[in-house]
Amino acid sequence: MKNGTNDRIRAIEVADLRQKGRFGACKAFRFTVKITSRGVRILVNLQGLF
């Protein structure tokens, strides 16, 4: 489970770099990733929408 989470975090960071210029909200989501690990799962779903 931990290894899978790390892979997801990496994917989120990569997506953040790609969408940094497009969606300013990604920055706010990135803060959530650092604050809570549960936010990571929610972010994965949000990233899928974009």
PDB file of N, CA and C in Angstrom:
ATOM      1  N   MET A   1       0.851  -1.204   0.000  1.00  0.00           N
ATOM      2  CA  MET A   1       0.000   0.000   0.000  1.00  0.00           C
ATOM      3  C   MET A   1       0.885   1.253   0.000  1.00  0.00           C
ATOM      4  N   LYS A   2       1.943   1.247   0.807  1.00  0.00           N
ATOM      5  CA  LYS A   2       2.803   2.435   0.877  1.00  0.00           C
ATOM      6  C   LYS A   2       3.505   2.666  -0.453  1.00  0.00           C
ATOM      7  N   ASN A   3       4.005   1.595  -1.062  1.00  0.00           N
ATOM      8  CA  ASN A   3       4.688   1.750  -2.350  1.00  0.00           C
ATOM      9  C   ASN A   3       3.742   2.313  -3.397  1.00  0.00           C
ATOM     10  N   GLY A   4       2.527   1.821  -3.434  1.00  0.00           N
ATOM     11  CA  GLY A   4       1.545   2.318  -4.396  1.00  0.00           C
ATOM     12  C   GLY A   4       1.252   3.791  -4.155  1.00  0.00           C
ATOM     13  N   THR A   5       1.212   4.180  -2.884  1.00  0.00           N
ATOM     14  CA  THR A   5       0.941   5.589  -2.567  1.00  0.00           C
ATOM     15  C   THR A   5       2.070   6.462  -3.088  1.00  0.00           C
ATOM     16  N   ASN A   6       3.309   6.014  -2.906  1.00  0.00           N
ATOM     17  CA  ASN A   6       4.448   6.795  -3.393  1.00  0.00           C
ATOM     18  C   ASN A   6       4.361   6.974  -4.903  1.00  0.00           C
ATOM     19  N   ASP A   7       3.996   5.923  -5.614  1.00  0.00           N
ATOM     20  CA  ASP A   7       3.858   6.019  -7.076  1.00  0.00           C
ATOM     21  C   ASP A   7       2.789   7.036  -7.437  1.00  0.00           C
ATOM     22  N   ARG A   8       1.702   7.032  -6.693  1.00  0.00           N
ATOM     23  CA  ARG A   8       0.619   7.981  -6.981  1.00  0.00           C
ATOM     24  C   ARG A   8       1.085   9.404  -6.711  1.00  0.00           C
ATOM     25  N   ILE A   9       1.829   9.595  -5.622  1.00  0.00           N
ATOM     26  CA  ILE A   9       2.334  10.941  -5.302  1.00  0.00           C
ATOM     27  C   ILE A   9       3.224  11.425  -6.438  1.00  0.00           C
ATOM     28  N   ARG A  10       4.090  10.558  -6.951  1.00  0.00           N
ATOM     29  CA  ARG A  10       4.960  10.938  -8.071  1.00  0.00           C
ATOM     30  C   ARG A  10       4.120  11.344  -9.272  1.00  0.00           C
ATOM     31  N   ALA A  11       3.100  10.570  -9.577  1.00  0.00           N
ATOM     32  CA  ALA A  11       2.236  10.882 -10.723  1.00  0.00           C
ATOM     33  C   ALA A  11       1.569  12.236 -10.517  1.00  0.00           C
ATOM     34  N   ILE A  12       1.163  12.517  -9.286  1.00  0.00           N
ATOM     35  CA  ILE A  12       0.512  13.804  -8.999  1.00  0.00           C
ATOM     36  C   ILE A  12       1.498  14.943  -9.214  1.00  0.00           C
ATOM     37  N   GLU A  13       2.722  14.777  -8.722  1.00  0.00           N
ATOM     38  CA  GLU A  13       3.725  15.837  -8.880  1.00  0.00           C
ATOM     39  C   GLU A  13       3.980  16.099 -10.358  1.00  0.00           C
ATOM     40  N   VAL A  14       4.095  15.040 -11.144  1.00  0.00           N
ATOM     41  CA  VAL A  14       4.319  15.203 -12.587  1.00  0.00           C
ATOM     42  C   VAL A  14       3.143  15.943 -13.214  1.00  0.00           C
ATOM     43  N   ALA A  15       1.932  15.549 -12.841  1.00  0.00           N
ATOM     44  CA  ALA A  15       0.741  16.210 -13.385  1.00  0.00           C
ATOM     45  C   ALA A  15       0.715  17.669 -12.951  1.00  0.00           C
ATOM     46  N   ASP A  16       1.146  17.937 -11.718  1.00  0.00           N
ATOM     47  CA  ASP A  16       1.180  19.321 -11.231  1.00  0.00           C
ATOM     48  C   ASP A  16       2.087  20.164 -12.108  1.00  0.00           C
ATOM     49  N   LEU A  17       3.266  19.649 -12.416  1.00  0.00           N
ATOM     50  CA  LEU A  17       4.206  20.406 -13.248  1.00  0.00           C
ATOM     51  C   LEU A  17       3.599  20.672 -14.617  1.00  0.00           C
ATOM     52  N   ARG A  18       2.882  19.706 -15.149  1.00  0.00           N
ATOM     53  CA  ARG A  18       2.272  19.865 -16.478  1.00  0.00           C
ATOM     54  C   ARG A  18       1.151  20.900 -16.440  1.00  0.00           C
ATOM     55  N   GLN A  19       0.363  20.868 -15.380  1.00  0.00           N
ATOM     56  CA  GLN A  19      -0.824  21.726 -15.322  1.00  0.00           C
ATOM     57  C   GLN A  19      -0.593  23.011 -14.530  1.00  0.00           C
ATOM     58  N   LYS A  20       0.646  23.253 -14.111  1.00  0.00           N
ATOM     59  CA  LYS A  20       0.931  24.437 -13.296  1.00  0.00           C
ATOM     60  C   LYS A  20       0.427  25.701 -13.988  1.00  0.00           C
ATOM     61  N   GLY A  21       0.757  25.868 -15.253  1.00  0.00           N
ATOM     62  CA  GLY A  21       0.361  27.073 -15.978  1.00  0.00           C
ATOM     63  C   GLY A  21      -1.121  27.078 -16.309  1.00  0.00           C
ATOM     64  N   ARG A  22      -1.733  25.913 -16.442  1.00  0.00           N
ATOM     65  CA  ARG A  22      -3.142  25.839 -16.850  1.00  0.00           C
ATOM     66  C   ARG A  22      -4.089  26.032 -15.680  1.00  0.00           C
ATOM     67  N   PHE A  23      -3.839  25.327 -14.579  1.00  0.00           N
ATOM     68  CA  PHE A  23      -4.757  25.421 -13.437  1.00  0.00           C
ATOM     69  C   PHE A  23      -4.027  25.918 -12.194  1.00  0.00           C
ATOM     70  N   GLY A  24      -4.349  27.140 -11.757  1.00  0.00           N
ATOM     71  CA  GLY A  24      -3.736  27.683 -10.541  1.00  0.00           C
ATOM     72  C   GLY A  24      -4.181  26.904  -9.313  1.00  0.00           C
ATOM     73  N   ALA A  25      -5.327  26.236  -9.417  1.00  0.00           N
ATOM     74  CA  ALA A  25      -5.853  25.472  -8.281  1.00  0.00           C
ATOM     75  C   ALA A  25      -4.929  24.312  -7.928  1.00  0.00           C
ATOM     76  N   CYS A  26      -4.158  23.826  -8.886  1.00  0.00           N
ATOM     77  CA  CYS A  26      -3.247  22.703  -8.629  1.00  0.00           C
ATOM     78  C   CYS A  26      -2.300  23.046  -7.484  1.00  0.00           C
ATOM     79  N   LYS A  27      -1.909  24.319  -7.393  1.00  0.00           N
ATOM     80  CA  LYS A  27      -1.003  24.719  -6.314  1.00  0.00           C
ATOM     81  C   LYS A  27      -1.665  24.479  -4.967  1.00  0.00           C
ATOM     82  N   ALA A  28      -2.931  24.838  -4.848  1.00  0.00           N
ATOM     83  CA  ALA A  28      -3.655  24.632  -3.589  1.00  0.00           C
ATOM     84  C   ALA A  28      -3.754  23.137  -3.296  1.00  0.00           C
ATOM     85  N   PHE A  29      -4.018  22.326  -4.333  1.00  0.00           N
ATOM     86  CA  PHE A  29      -4.116  20.879  -4.147  1.00  0.00           C
ATOM     87  C   PHE A  29      -2.769  20.316  -3.704  1.00  0.00           C
ATOM     88  N   ARG A  30      -1.687  20.862  -4.243  1.00  0.00           N
ATOM     89  CA  ARG A  30      -0.360  20.367  -3.904  1.00  0.00           C
ATOM     90  C   ARG A  30      -0.123  20.548  -2.404  1.00  0.00           C
ATOM     91  N   PHE A  31      -0.570  21.678  -1.842  1.00  0.00           N
ATOM     92  CA  PHE A  31      -0.419  21.905  -0.404  1.00  0.00           C
ATOM     93  C   PHE A  31      -1.135  20.808   0.374  1.00  0.00           C
ATOM     94  N   THR A  32      -2.310  20.411  -0.099  1.00  0.00           N
ATOM     95  CA  THR A  32      -3.074  19.367   0.581  1.00  0.00           C
ATOM     96  C   THR A  32      -2.281  18.062   0.598  1.00  0.00           C
ATOM     97  N   VAL A  33      -1.569  17.777  -0.485  1.00  0.00           N
ATOM     98  CA  VAL A  33      -0.775  16.547  -0.551  1.00  0.00           C
ATOM     99  C   VAL A  33       0.275  16.554   0.547  1.00  0.00           C
ATOM    100  N   LYS A  34       0.934  17.689   0.740  1.00  0.00           N
ATOM    101  CA  LYS A  34       1.986  17.768   1.750  1.00  0.00           C
ATOM    102  C   LYS A  34       1.409  17.685   3.161  1.00  0.00           C
ATOM    103  N   ILE A  35       0.222  18.250   3.363  1.00  0.00           N
ATOM    104  CA  ILE A  35      -0.360  18.300   4.705  1.00  0.00           C
ATOM    105  C   ILE A  35      -0.906  16.933   5.119  1.00  0.00           C
ATOM    106  N   THR A  36      -1.718  16.317   4.262  1.00  0.00           N
ATOM    107  CA  THR A  36      -2.340  15.053   4.649  1.00  0.00           C
ATOM    108  C   THR A  36      -2.144  13.986   3.577  1.00  0.00           C
ATOM    109  N   SER A  37      -1.921  12.760   4.023  1.00  0.00           N
ATOM    110  CA  SER A  37      -1.754  11.656   3.072  1.00  0.00           C
ATOM    111  C   SER A  37      -3.110  11.273   2.480  1.00  0.00           C
ATOM    112  N   ARG A  38      -4.188  11.490   3.239  1.00  0.00           N
ATOM    113  CA  ARG A  38      -5.518  11.158   2.718  1.00  0.00           C
ATOM    114  C   ARG A  38      -5.855  12.070   1.553  1.00  0.00           C
ATOM    115  N   GLY A  39      -5.352  13.296   1.597  1.00  0.00           N
ATOM    116  CA  GLY A  39      -5.605  14.236   0.502  1.00  0.00           C
ATOM    117  C   GLY A  39      -5.041  13.701  -0.798  1.00  0.00           C
ATOM    118  N   VAL A  40      -3.986  12.871  -0.710  1.00  0.00           N
ATOM    119  CA  VAL A  40      -3.367  12.326  -1.914  1.00  0.00           C
ATOM    120  C   VAL A  40      -4.396  11.537  -2.716  1.00  0.00           C
ATOM    121  N   ARG A  41      -5.146  10.684  -2.050  1.00  0.00           N
ATOM    122  CA  ARG A  41      -6.132   9.865  -2.769  1.00  0.00           C
ATOM    123  C   ARG A  41      -7.184  10.762  -3.413  1.00  0.00           C
ATOM    124  N   ILE A  42      -7.633  11.772  -2.705  1.00  0.00           N
ATOM    125  CA  ILE A  42      -8.639  12.691  -3.261  1.00  0.00           C
ATOM    126  C   ILE A  42      -8.047  13.404  -4.474  1.00  0.00           C
ATOM    127  N   LEU A  43      -6.777  13.812  -4.367  1.00  0.00           N
ATOM    128  CA  LEU A  43      -6.129  14.524  -5.466  1.00  0.00           C
ATOM    129  C   LEU A  43      -6.035  13.632  -6.695  1.00  0.00           C
ATOM    130  N   VAL A  44      -5.740  12.358  -6.491  1.00  0.00           N
ATOM    131  CA  VAL A  44      -5.637  11.440  -7.626  1.00  0.00           C
ATOM    132  C   VAL A  44      -6.949  11.460  -8.405  1.00  0.00           C
ATOM    133  N   ASN A  45      -8.067  11.439  -7.700  1.00  0.00           N
ATOM    134  CA  ASN A  45      -9.368  11.474  -8.367  1.00  0.00           C
ATOM    135  C   ASN A  45      -9.571  12.801  -9.085  1.00  0.00           C
ATOM    136  N   LEU A  46      -9.200  13.916  -8.441  1.00  0.00           N
ATOM    137  CA  LEU A  46      -9.369  15.234  -9.062  1.00  0.00           C
ATOM    138  C   LEU A  46      -8.492  15.337 -10.303  1.00  0.00           C
ATOM    139  N   GLN A  47      -7.251  14.857 -10.220  1.00  0.00           N
ATOM    140  CA  GLN A  47      -6.347  14.911 -11.363  1.00  0.00           C
ATOM    141  C   GLN A  47      -6.957  14.145 -12.535  1.00  0.00           C
ATOM    142  N   GLY A  48      -7.640  13.038 -12.237  1.00  0.00           N
ATOM    143  CA  GLY A  48      -8.258  12.251 -13.305  1.00  0.00           C
ATOM    144  C   GLY A  48      -9.296  13.065 -14.069  1.00  0.00           C
ATOM    145  N   LEU A  49      -9.973  13.981 -13.375  1.00  0.00           N
ATOM    146  CA  LEU A  49     -10.984  14.812 -14.036  1.00  0.00           C
ATOM    147  C   LEU A  49     -10.324  15.760 -15.027  1.00  0.00           C
ATOM    148  N   PHE A  50      -9.149  16.280 -14.660  1.00  0.00           N
ATOM    149  CA  PHE A  50      -8.448  17.200 -15.561  1.00  0.00           C
ATOM    150  C   PHE A  50      -7.638  16.401 -16.576  1.00  0.00           C
TER     151      PHE A  50
END
